[in-house]
Amino acid sequence: MLMVRWRRALAPLFLSLLLLVTACGPAEPPSPYAQVQEETTQRGAAPAVAPDATQGAKFNRFFPASADGYQVVPAQEKKGFAEYKLKRDGKDVAMLAISDTTGTEATAKFAQSTEKIGGYPAVDQGTQATAILVGDRYQVKVLSRDDAFTRADRVAWLQKFDLNGLANLK
C-alpha cells in the first residue's frame, strides 16, 4: 500500500523532471540564412518588396490568355510579383511578368522614356527584355528566352495584357 502511494507521487515528479531536461537541451543551430539576413539589413538596404505592395495573385487576371499556338503558363506568384512562361511547341520562348514597384527605384528608368507601348512609357532592358510602367506603379515586362522571339514579339505581347485594367487596380 505504501509502495503504491510512492509510485503515484513519483510519477508527476519524473514527468516534470523530463520536461525540464528536454526544454533545457541544446538550442538548434542558427539558419544559414540568418547571418546573411542580418548582414544585409545592417547595410541599410531597403526591403525588396514594400509592405503595402499588391499581392501577386491580384495580377493573374491581367495576363494575356493562350493564343495562336502559344501557351501562357503560371510560373511564380508572390507579394508584389507574378510571372508566367510563354511556351510554343513545349519550349519556353519568353517570360511575362508584372511587378509592383511601390517603394523601389524601378520607376526611375521610365522617367527618360521617349517611347510608349499601349499608351504607357516603355524601355528596353538590354537586348532581351522590354518593359512598360502602368499607372506609375506596375512594371509589365516581357523577357525573350529564345533568340527567335524578337523585340517586335515582346511589344506585341505587352499589348495583350489588360493594361487599362491593371492601371485601375487598387
N, C-alpha and C. Protein backbone atom coordinates (compact mmCIF):
# COMPACT_ATOMS: atom_id res chain seq x y z
N MET A 1 0.82 -1.19 0.00
CA MET A 1 0.00 0.00 0.00
C MET A 1 0.86 1.25 0.00
N LEU A 2 1.89 1.24 0.82
CA LEU A 2 2.81 2.38 0.89
C LEU A 2 3.59 2.53 -0.41
N MET A 3 3.90 1.40 -1.05
CA MET A 3 4.64 1.42 -2.32
C MET A 3 3.81 2.06 -3.43
N VAL A 4 2.51 1.77 -3.47
CA VAL A 4 1.62 2.34 -4.49
C VAL A 4 1.54 3.85 -4.34
N ARG A 5 1.48 4.34 -3.14
CA ARG A 5 1.41 5.80 -2.89
C ARG A 5 2.68 6.49 -3.36
N TRP A 6 3.83 5.83 -3.17
CA TRP A 6 5.10 6.41 -3.63
C TRP A 6 5.15 6.49 -5.16
N ARG A 7 4.64 5.46 -5.80
CA ARG A 7 4.62 5.48 -7.27
C ARG A 7 3.75 6.63 -7.79
N ARG A 8 2.61 6.81 -7.17
CA ARG A 8 1.73 7.91 -7.60
C ARG A 8 2.38 9.27 -7.36
N ALA A 9 3.14 9.39 -6.32
CA ALA A 9 3.80 10.65 -6.01
C ALA A 9 5.01 10.88 -6.92
N LEU A 10 5.70 9.81 -7.28
CA LEU A 10 6.89 9.95 -8.11
C LEU A 10 6.58 10.18 -9.59
N ALA A 11 5.47 9.67 -10.07
CA ALA A 11 5.14 9.81 -11.50
C ALA A 11 5.09 11.28 -11.93
N PRO A 12 4.35 12.15 -11.25
CA PRO A 12 4.36 13.56 -11.67
C PRO A 12 5.74 14.22 -11.52
N LEU A 13 6.49 13.79 -10.52
CA LEU A 13 7.83 14.34 -10.32
C LEU A 13 8.75 13.97 -11.48
N PHE A 14 8.72 12.70 -11.91
CA PHE A 14 9.55 12.28 -13.06
C PHE A 14 9.11 12.97 -14.35
N LEU A 15 7.80 13.10 -14.52
CA LEU A 15 7.29 13.77 -15.72
C LEU A 15 7.75 15.22 -15.77
N SER A 16 7.70 15.92 -14.64
CA SER A 16 8.16 17.31 -14.57
C SER A 16 9.65 17.40 -14.83
N LEU A 17 10.42 16.47 -14.27
CA LEU A 17 11.86 16.45 -14.49
C LEU A 17 12.19 16.20 -15.96
N LEU A 18 11.46 15.31 -16.60
CA LEU A 18 11.66 15.01 -18.03
C LEU A 18 11.39 16.25 -18.89
N LEU A 19 10.32 16.95 -18.61
CA LEU A 19 10.01 18.18 -19.36
C LEU A 19 11.07 19.24 -19.15
N LEU A 20 11.57 19.38 -17.94
CA LEU A 20 12.60 20.37 -17.63
C LEU A 20 13.89 20.05 -18.38
N VAL A 21 14.29 18.80 -18.40
CA VAL A 21 15.54 18.40 -19.07
C VAL A 21 15.44 18.60 -20.58
N THR A 22 14.32 18.24 -21.19
CA THR A 22 14.19 18.40 -22.65
C THR A 22 14.07 19.85 -23.05
N ALA A 23 13.48 20.67 -22.20
CA ALA A 23 13.35 22.10 -22.52
C ALA A 23 14.68 22.81 -22.43
N CYS A 24 15.58 22.32 -21.61
CA CYS A 24 16.89 22.96 -21.43
C CYS A 24 17.96 22.36 -22.34
N GLY A 25 17.58 21.56 -23.32
CA GLY A 25 18.52 20.93 -24.23
C GLY A 25 19.22 21.96 -25.10
N PRO A 26 20.17 21.49 -25.89
CA PRO A 26 20.92 22.41 -26.74
C PRO A 26 20.00 23.09 -27.76
N ALA A 27 20.28 24.35 -28.03
CA ALA A 27 19.49 25.11 -28.99
C ALA A 27 19.79 24.63 -30.40
N GLU A 28 18.82 24.83 -31.31
CA GLU A 28 19.03 24.46 -32.70
C GLU A 28 20.08 25.37 -33.32
N PRO A 29 20.87 24.83 -34.25
CA PRO A 29 21.86 25.69 -34.88
C PRO A 29 21.17 26.81 -35.67
N PRO A 30 21.79 27.96 -35.77
CA PRO A 30 21.15 29.07 -36.49
C PRO A 30 21.00 28.74 -37.97
N SER A 31 20.00 29.30 -38.57
CA SER A 31 19.75 29.11 -40.00
C SER A 31 20.92 29.70 -40.80
N PRO A 32 21.34 29.03 -41.88
CA PRO A 32 22.42 29.60 -42.69
C PRO A 32 22.01 30.94 -43.31
N TYR A 33 20.73 31.19 -43.39
CA TYR A 33 20.26 32.44 -43.99
C TYR A 33 20.17 33.57 -42.97
N ALA A 34 20.17 33.22 -41.69
CA ALA A 34 20.03 34.23 -40.66
C ALA A 34 21.18 35.23 -40.68
N GLN A 35 22.40 34.71 -40.87
CA GLN A 35 23.56 35.61 -40.89
C GLN A 35 23.50 36.54 -42.11
N VAL A 36 23.14 36.02 -43.25
CA VAL A 36 23.03 36.84 -44.45
C VAL A 36 21.95 37.89 -44.27
N GLN A 37 20.82 37.48 -43.70
CA GLN A 37 19.74 38.43 -43.45
C GLN A 37 20.21 39.54 -42.53
N GLU A 38 20.94 39.17 -41.49
CA GLU A 38 21.42 40.17 -40.54
C GLU A 38 22.41 41.13 -41.22
N GLU A 39 23.30 40.57 -42.05
CA GLU A 39 24.28 41.42 -42.75
C GLU A 39 23.61 42.37 -43.73
N THR A 40 22.65 41.88 -44.46
CA THR A 40 22.02 42.74 -45.47
C THR A 40 21.15 43.81 -44.85
N THR A 41 20.51 43.50 -43.73
CA THR A 41 19.66 44.51 -43.11
C THR A 41 20.49 45.55 -42.39
N GLN A 42 21.73 45.23 -42.02
CA GLN A 42 22.58 46.21 -41.36
C GLN A 42 23.17 47.20 -42.35
N ARG A 43 23.15 46.89 -43.63
CA ARG A 43 23.68 47.82 -44.63
C ARG A 43 22.70 48.93 -44.94
N GLY A 44 21.55 48.90 -44.37
CA GLY A 44 20.56 49.92 -44.65
C GLY A 44 19.82 49.68 -45.95
N ALA A 45 19.91 48.47 -46.46
CA ALA A 45 19.23 48.15 -47.71
C ALA A 45 17.72 48.18 -47.51
N ALA A 46 17.05 48.75 -48.48
CA ALA A 46 15.59 48.77 -48.43
C ALA A 46 15.06 47.36 -48.69
N PRO A 47 13.92 47.02 -48.12
CA PRO A 47 13.36 45.70 -48.40
C PRO A 47 13.01 45.59 -49.88
N ALA A 48 13.10 44.38 -50.43
CA ALA A 48 12.84 44.17 -51.85
C ALA A 48 11.39 44.44 -52.22
N VAL A 49 10.50 44.20 -51.27
CA VAL A 49 9.08 44.40 -51.52
C VAL A 49 8.52 45.26 -50.41
N ALA A 50 7.80 46.30 -50.79
CA ALA A 50 7.19 47.19 -49.80
C ALA A 50 6.09 46.45 -49.06
N PRO A 51 5.90 46.76 -47.79
CA PRO A 51 4.86 46.07 -47.02
C PRO A 51 3.47 46.25 -47.62
N ASP A 52 3.23 47.36 -48.31
CA ASP A 52 1.89 47.58 -48.87
C ASP A 52 1.82 47.23 -50.36
N ALA A 53 2.77 46.45 -50.85
CA ALA A 53 2.75 46.01 -52.25
C ALA A 53 1.54 45.11 -52.50
N THR A 54 1.07 45.14 -53.72
CA THR A 54 -0.08 44.33 -54.12
C THR A 54 0.29 42.85 -54.14
N GLN A 55 -0.62 42.00 -53.68
CA GLN A 55 -0.39 40.56 -53.71
C GLN A 55 -0.31 40.09 -55.17
N GLY A 56 0.62 39.21 -55.46
CA GLY A 56 0.80 38.71 -56.81
C GLY A 56 -0.44 38.06 -57.40
N ALA A 57 -1.26 37.46 -56.57
CA ALA A 57 -2.48 36.80 -57.05
C ALA A 57 -3.43 37.77 -57.73
N LYS A 58 -3.37 39.03 -57.35
CA LYS A 58 -4.25 40.02 -57.97
C LYS A 58 -3.82 40.36 -59.39
N PHE A 59 -2.61 40.01 -59.77
CA PHE A 59 -2.12 40.31 -61.12
C PHE A 59 -2.57 39.28 -62.16
N ASN A 60 -2.94 38.10 -61.71
CA ASN A 60 -3.20 36.99 -62.64
C ASN A 60 -4.23 37.33 -63.71
N ARG A 61 -5.26 38.04 -63.37
CA ARG A 61 -6.33 38.31 -64.35
C ARG A 61 -5.91 39.29 -65.45
N PHE A 62 -4.75 39.93 -65.30
CA PHE A 62 -4.31 40.90 -66.29
C PHE A 62 -3.36 40.30 -67.34
N PHE A 63 -2.95 39.06 -67.11
CA PHE A 63 -2.06 38.40 -68.08
C PHE A 63 -2.86 37.99 -69.32
N PRO A 64 -2.20 37.97 -70.48
CA PRO A 64 -2.90 37.53 -71.68
C PRO A 64 -3.21 36.05 -71.62
N ALA A 65 -4.19 35.65 -72.41
CA ALA A 65 -4.57 34.24 -72.50
C ALA A 65 -3.72 33.55 -73.55
N SER A 66 -3.69 32.24 -73.49
CA SER A 66 -3.02 31.45 -74.52
C SER A 66 -3.71 31.70 -75.87
N ALA A 67 -2.89 31.82 -76.92
CA ALA A 67 -3.46 32.06 -78.25
C ALA A 67 -2.41 31.84 -79.32
N ASP A 68 -2.88 31.57 -80.53
CA ASP A 68 -2.03 31.49 -81.72
C ASP A 68 -0.87 30.51 -81.56
N GLY A 69 -1.11 29.39 -80.94
CA GLY A 69 -0.06 28.39 -80.77
C GLY A 69 0.84 28.61 -79.56
N TYR A 70 0.62 29.69 -78.83
CA TYR A 70 1.39 29.99 -77.62
C TYR A 70 0.58 29.56 -76.40
N GLN A 71 1.27 29.03 -75.40
CA GLN A 71 0.65 28.69 -74.13
C GLN A 71 1.19 29.64 -73.06
N VAL A 72 0.30 30.22 -72.28
CA VAL A 72 0.67 31.08 -71.16
C VAL A 72 0.50 30.24 -69.90
N VAL A 73 1.61 29.96 -69.22
CA VAL A 73 1.63 29.01 -68.11
C VAL A 73 2.13 29.72 -66.84
N PRO A 74 1.35 29.65 -65.74
CA PRO A 74 1.81 30.28 -64.49
C PRO A 74 3.16 29.71 -64.03
N ALA A 75 4.03 30.60 -63.57
CA ALA A 75 5.36 30.16 -63.14
C ALA A 75 5.65 30.54 -61.69
N GLN A 76 5.30 31.76 -61.30
CA GLN A 76 5.64 32.20 -59.94
C GLN A 76 4.68 33.31 -59.52
N GLU A 77 4.38 33.30 -58.23
CA GLU A 77 3.50 34.33 -57.70
C GLU A 77 3.90 34.58 -56.25
N LYS A 78 4.14 35.82 -55.92
CA LYS A 78 4.43 36.20 -54.54
C LYS A 78 4.04 37.65 -54.37
N LYS A 79 4.17 38.14 -53.17
CA LYS A 79 3.76 39.51 -52.90
C LYS A 79 4.51 40.46 -53.81
N GLY A 80 3.77 41.27 -54.53
CA GLY A 80 4.36 42.27 -55.41
C GLY A 80 4.81 41.75 -56.76
N PHE A 81 4.55 40.48 -57.08
CA PHE A 81 5.10 39.92 -58.31
C PHE A 81 4.33 38.69 -58.77
N ALA A 82 4.14 38.61 -60.09
CA ALA A 82 3.59 37.39 -60.70
C ALA A 82 4.29 37.20 -62.04
N GLU A 83 4.55 35.94 -62.39
CA GLU A 83 5.29 35.64 -63.61
C GLU A 83 4.68 34.42 -64.30
N TYR A 84 4.62 34.49 -65.62
CA TYR A 84 4.12 33.39 -66.44
C TYR A 84 5.17 33.06 -67.48
N LYS A 85 5.19 31.79 -67.90
CA LYS A 85 6.04 31.36 -69.00
C LYS A 85 5.21 31.42 -70.27
N LEU A 86 5.85 31.80 -71.34
CA LEU A 86 5.21 31.77 -72.65
C LEU A 86 5.87 30.65 -73.43
N LYS A 87 5.09 29.63 -73.76
CA LYS A 87 5.62 28.44 -74.42
C LYS A 87 5.05 28.31 -75.82
N ARG A 88 5.88 27.77 -76.68
CA ARG A 88 5.43 27.42 -78.04
C ARG A 88 6.05 26.08 -78.39
N ASP A 89 5.22 25.13 -78.75
CA ASP A 89 5.67 23.76 -79.05
C ASP A 89 6.44 23.17 -77.87
N GLY A 90 6.01 23.48 -76.65
CA GLY A 90 6.62 22.93 -75.45
C GLY A 90 7.91 23.60 -75.02
N LYS A 91 8.34 24.61 -75.75
CA LYS A 91 9.61 25.29 -75.45
C LYS A 91 9.33 26.68 -74.89
N ASP A 92 10.07 27.07 -73.83
CA ASP A 92 9.94 28.41 -73.28
C ASP A 92 10.51 29.42 -74.27
N VAL A 93 9.68 30.36 -74.72
CA VAL A 93 10.17 31.38 -75.64
C VAL A 93 10.25 32.74 -74.98
N ALA A 94 9.49 32.94 -73.86
CA ALA A 94 9.54 34.23 -73.17
C ALA A 94 8.97 34.08 -71.77
N MET A 95 9.24 35.08 -70.96
CA MET A 95 8.65 35.19 -69.63
C MET A 95 7.83 36.47 -69.62
N LEU A 96 6.68 36.42 -68.99
CA LEU A 96 5.79 37.56 -68.85
C LEU A 96 5.70 37.87 -67.36
N ALA A 97 5.87 39.13 -66.99
CA ALA A 97 5.88 39.44 -65.56
C ALA A 97 5.20 40.77 -65.27
N ILE A 98 4.58 40.82 -64.11
CA ILE A 98 4.05 42.07 -63.56
C ILE A 98 4.62 42.21 -62.16
N SER A 99 5.18 43.40 -61.86
CA SER A 99 5.69 43.63 -60.52
C SER A 99 5.22 44.98 -60.01
N ASP A 100 5.01 45.05 -58.72
CA ASP A 100 4.61 46.29 -58.06
C ASP A 100 5.89 47.02 -57.69
N THR A 101 6.05 48.25 -58.17
CA THR A 101 7.29 49.00 -57.93
C THR A 101 7.21 49.87 -56.68
N THR A 102 6.15 49.77 -55.93
CA THR A 102 6.00 50.57 -54.72
C THR A 102 7.23 50.42 -53.82
N GLY A 103 7.80 51.55 -53.44
CA GLY A 103 8.93 51.53 -52.52
C GLY A 103 10.25 51.13 -53.16
N THR A 104 10.33 51.04 -54.48
CA THR A 104 11.58 50.68 -55.15
C THR A 104 12.00 51.81 -56.09
N GLU A 105 13.18 51.66 -56.65
CA GLU A 105 13.69 52.64 -57.61
C GLU A 105 13.37 52.25 -59.05
N ALA A 106 12.57 51.22 -59.22
CA ALA A 106 12.33 50.66 -60.56
C ALA A 106 11.65 51.65 -61.50
N THR A 107 10.96 52.63 -61.00
CA THR A 107 10.25 53.56 -61.88
C THR A 107 11.18 54.61 -62.49
N ALA A 108 12.36 54.79 -61.92
CA ALA A 108 13.28 55.83 -62.39
C ALA A 108 13.67 55.64 -63.86
N LYS A 109 13.82 54.41 -64.28
CA LYS A 109 14.25 54.17 -65.67
C LYS A 109 13.21 54.60 -66.69
N PHE A 110 11.98 54.78 -66.28
CA PHE A 110 10.93 55.18 -67.20
C PHE A 110 10.83 56.70 -67.34
N ALA A 111 11.50 57.46 -66.46
CA ALA A 111 11.41 58.91 -66.48
C ALA A 111 11.93 59.50 -67.80
N GLN A 112 12.94 58.89 -68.40
CA GLN A 112 13.52 59.41 -69.64
C GLN A 112 12.97 58.69 -70.87
N SER A 113 11.97 57.89 -70.70
CA SER A 113 11.42 57.12 -71.82
C SER A 113 10.81 58.04 -72.87
N THR A 114 11.11 57.77 -74.14
CA THR A 114 10.53 58.53 -75.24
C THR A 114 9.53 57.69 -76.03
N GLU A 115 9.45 56.41 -75.69
CA GLU A 115 8.56 55.50 -76.41
C GLU A 115 7.39 55.10 -75.52
N LYS A 116 6.27 54.89 -76.14
CA LYS A 116 5.10 54.39 -75.41
C LYS A 116 4.60 53.13 -76.10
N ILE A 117 4.20 52.17 -75.28
CA ILE A 117 3.57 50.95 -75.77
C ILE A 117 2.24 50.84 -75.05
N GLY A 118 1.16 50.77 -75.82
CA GLY A 118 -0.16 50.70 -75.21
C GLY A 118 -0.50 51.96 -74.44
N GLY A 119 0.19 53.06 -74.74
CA GLY A 119 -0.05 54.33 -74.05
C GLY A 119 0.77 54.51 -72.79
N TYR A 120 1.69 53.59 -72.50
CA TYR A 120 2.48 53.66 -71.27
C TYR A 120 3.97 53.77 -71.60
N PRO A 121 4.75 54.46 -70.78
CA PRO A 121 6.19 54.61 -71.06
C PRO A 121 6.88 53.25 -71.11
N ALA A 122 7.77 53.12 -72.11
CA ALA A 122 8.44 51.84 -72.33
C ALA A 122 9.95 52.01 -72.34
N VAL A 123 10.64 50.96 -71.94
CA VAL A 123 12.11 50.92 -72.01
C VAL A 123 12.53 49.52 -72.42
N ASP A 124 13.65 49.47 -73.12
CA ASP A 124 14.30 48.19 -73.38
C ASP A 124 15.35 47.99 -72.30
N GLN A 125 15.44 46.78 -71.80
CA GLN A 125 16.44 46.45 -70.78
C GLN A 125 17.36 45.41 -71.39
N GLY A 126 18.47 45.91 -71.97
CA GLY A 126 19.34 45.02 -72.71
C GLY A 126 18.69 44.64 -74.03
N THR A 127 19.07 43.51 -74.56
CA THR A 127 18.53 43.09 -75.85
C THR A 127 17.43 42.05 -75.73
N GLN A 128 17.15 41.62 -74.50
CA GLN A 128 16.21 40.52 -74.32
C GLN A 128 14.96 40.89 -73.51
N ALA A 129 14.84 42.14 -73.08
CA ALA A 129 13.69 42.50 -72.24
C ALA A 129 13.13 43.86 -72.63
N THR A 130 11.82 43.95 -72.60
CA THR A 130 11.11 45.20 -72.83
C THR A 130 10.08 45.35 -71.72
N ALA A 131 10.00 46.56 -71.15
CA ALA A 131 9.10 46.78 -70.03
C ALA A 131 8.33 48.07 -70.22
N ILE A 132 7.16 48.13 -69.62
CA ILE A 132 6.37 49.35 -69.58
C ILE A 132 5.96 49.60 -68.13
N LEU A 133 5.67 50.87 -67.83
CA LEU A 133 5.21 51.25 -66.49
C LEU A 133 3.75 51.64 -66.59
N VAL A 134 2.90 50.89 -65.93
CA VAL A 134 1.45 51.10 -65.99
C VAL A 134 0.98 51.77 -64.71
N GLY A 135 0.25 52.86 -64.89
CA GLY A 135 -0.32 53.55 -63.73
C GLY A 135 0.73 54.07 -62.77
N ASP A 136 1.91 54.39 -63.28
CA ASP A 136 3.03 54.89 -62.46
C ASP A 136 3.36 53.96 -61.30
N ARG A 137 2.95 52.70 -61.40
CA ARG A 137 3.20 51.78 -60.28
C ARG A 137 3.59 50.37 -60.70
N TYR A 138 2.95 49.82 -61.74
CA TYR A 138 3.16 48.42 -62.09
C TYR A 138 4.04 48.28 -63.32
N GLN A 139 5.12 47.53 -63.16
CA GLN A 139 6.01 47.25 -64.28
C GLN A 139 5.55 45.95 -64.94
N VAL A 140 5.30 46.04 -66.24
CA VAL A 140 4.92 44.87 -67.03
C VAL A 140 6.09 44.60 -67.96
N LYS A 141 6.60 43.37 -67.90
CA LYS A 141 7.83 43.07 -68.62
C LYS A 141 7.69 41.77 -69.41
N VAL A 142 8.28 41.78 -70.60
CA VAL A 142 8.38 40.56 -71.41
C VAL A 142 9.86 40.33 -71.67
N LEU A 143 10.33 39.12 -71.33
CA LEU A 143 11.74 38.76 -71.50
C LEU A 143 11.85 37.61 -72.49
N SER A 144 12.66 37.80 -73.52
CA SER A 144 12.87 36.74 -74.51
C SER A 144 13.72 35.63 -73.92
N ARG A 145 13.32 34.40 -74.15
CA ARG A 145 14.11 33.24 -73.73
C ARG A 145 14.59 32.43 -74.93
N ASP A 146 14.21 32.93 -76.11
CA ASP A 146 14.61 32.29 -77.36
C ASP A 146 14.98 33.42 -78.32
N ASP A 147 16.07 33.26 -79.05
CA ASP A 147 16.51 34.32 -79.96
C ASP A 147 15.49 34.61 -81.05
N ALA A 148 14.65 33.64 -81.36
CA ALA A 148 13.64 33.84 -82.39
C ALA A 148 12.49 34.73 -81.90
N PHE A 149 12.39 34.92 -80.58
CA PHE A 149 11.36 35.78 -80.01
C PHE A 149 11.93 37.20 -79.95
N THR A 150 11.54 38.03 -80.90
CA THR A 150 12.17 39.34 -81.14
C THR A 150 11.55 40.46 -80.29
N ARG A 151 12.12 41.64 -80.42
CA ARG A 151 11.57 42.81 -79.75
C ARG A 151 10.14 43.05 -80.22
N ALA A 152 9.89 42.89 -81.51
CA ALA A 152 8.53 43.08 -82.04
C ALA A 152 7.56 42.11 -81.36
N ASP A 153 8.00 40.89 -81.11
CA ASP A 153 7.16 39.92 -80.40
C ASP A 153 6.90 40.39 -78.96
N ARG A 154 7.94 40.91 -78.32
CA ARG A 154 7.77 41.39 -76.94
C ARG A 154 6.76 42.54 -76.89
N VAL A 155 6.87 43.48 -77.84
CA VAL A 155 5.94 44.61 -77.89
C VAL A 155 4.52 44.11 -78.12
N ALA A 156 4.36 43.16 -79.03
CA ALA A 156 3.03 42.61 -79.31
C ALA A 156 2.44 41.95 -78.06
N TRP A 157 3.25 41.20 -77.32
CA TRP A 157 2.74 40.53 -76.11
C TRP A 157 2.49 41.52 -74.98
N LEU A 158 3.25 42.60 -74.90
CA LEU A 158 2.97 43.63 -73.89
C LEU A 158 1.57 44.22 -74.12
N GLN A 159 1.21 44.37 -75.37
CA GLN A 159 -0.10 44.95 -75.69
C GLN A 159 -1.25 43.98 -75.46
N LYS A 160 -0.95 42.71 -75.26
CA LYS A 160 -2.00 41.73 -75.00
C LYS A 160 -2.42 41.68 -73.53
N PHE A 161 -1.61 42.29 -72.65
CA PHE A 161 -2.01 42.38 -71.23
C PHE A 161 -3.23 43.29 -71.13
N ASP A 162 -4.02 43.13 -70.09
CA ASP A 162 -5.12 44.06 -69.81
C ASP A 162 -4.50 45.26 -69.07
N LEU A 163 -3.91 46.14 -69.84
CA LEU A 163 -3.15 47.26 -69.26
C LEU A 163 -4.07 48.26 -68.58
N ASN A 164 -5.22 48.56 -69.18
CA ASN A 164 -6.13 49.52 -68.55
C ASN A 164 -6.72 48.95 -67.26
N GLY A 165 -6.99 47.66 -67.25
CA GLY A 165 -7.47 47.03 -66.01
C GLY A 165 -6.41 47.10 -64.92
N LEU A 166 -5.16 46.85 -65.30
CA LEU A 166 -4.06 46.92 -64.33
C LEU A 166 -3.88 48.35 -63.81
N ALA A 167 -4.03 49.31 -64.70
CA ALA A 167 -3.88 50.72 -64.29
C ALA A 167 -4.92 51.11 -63.24
N ASN A 168 -6.08 50.46 -63.27
CA ASN A 168 -7.15 50.77 -62.32
C ASN A 168 -7.13 49.89 -61.08
N LEU A 169 -6.15 48.99 -60.98
CA LEU A 169 -6.05 48.11 -59.81
C LEU A 169 -5.77 48.93 -58.57
N LYS A 170 -6.55 48.71 -57.57
CA LYS A 170 -6.39 49.43 -56.28
C LYS A 170 -5.79 48.51 -55.27
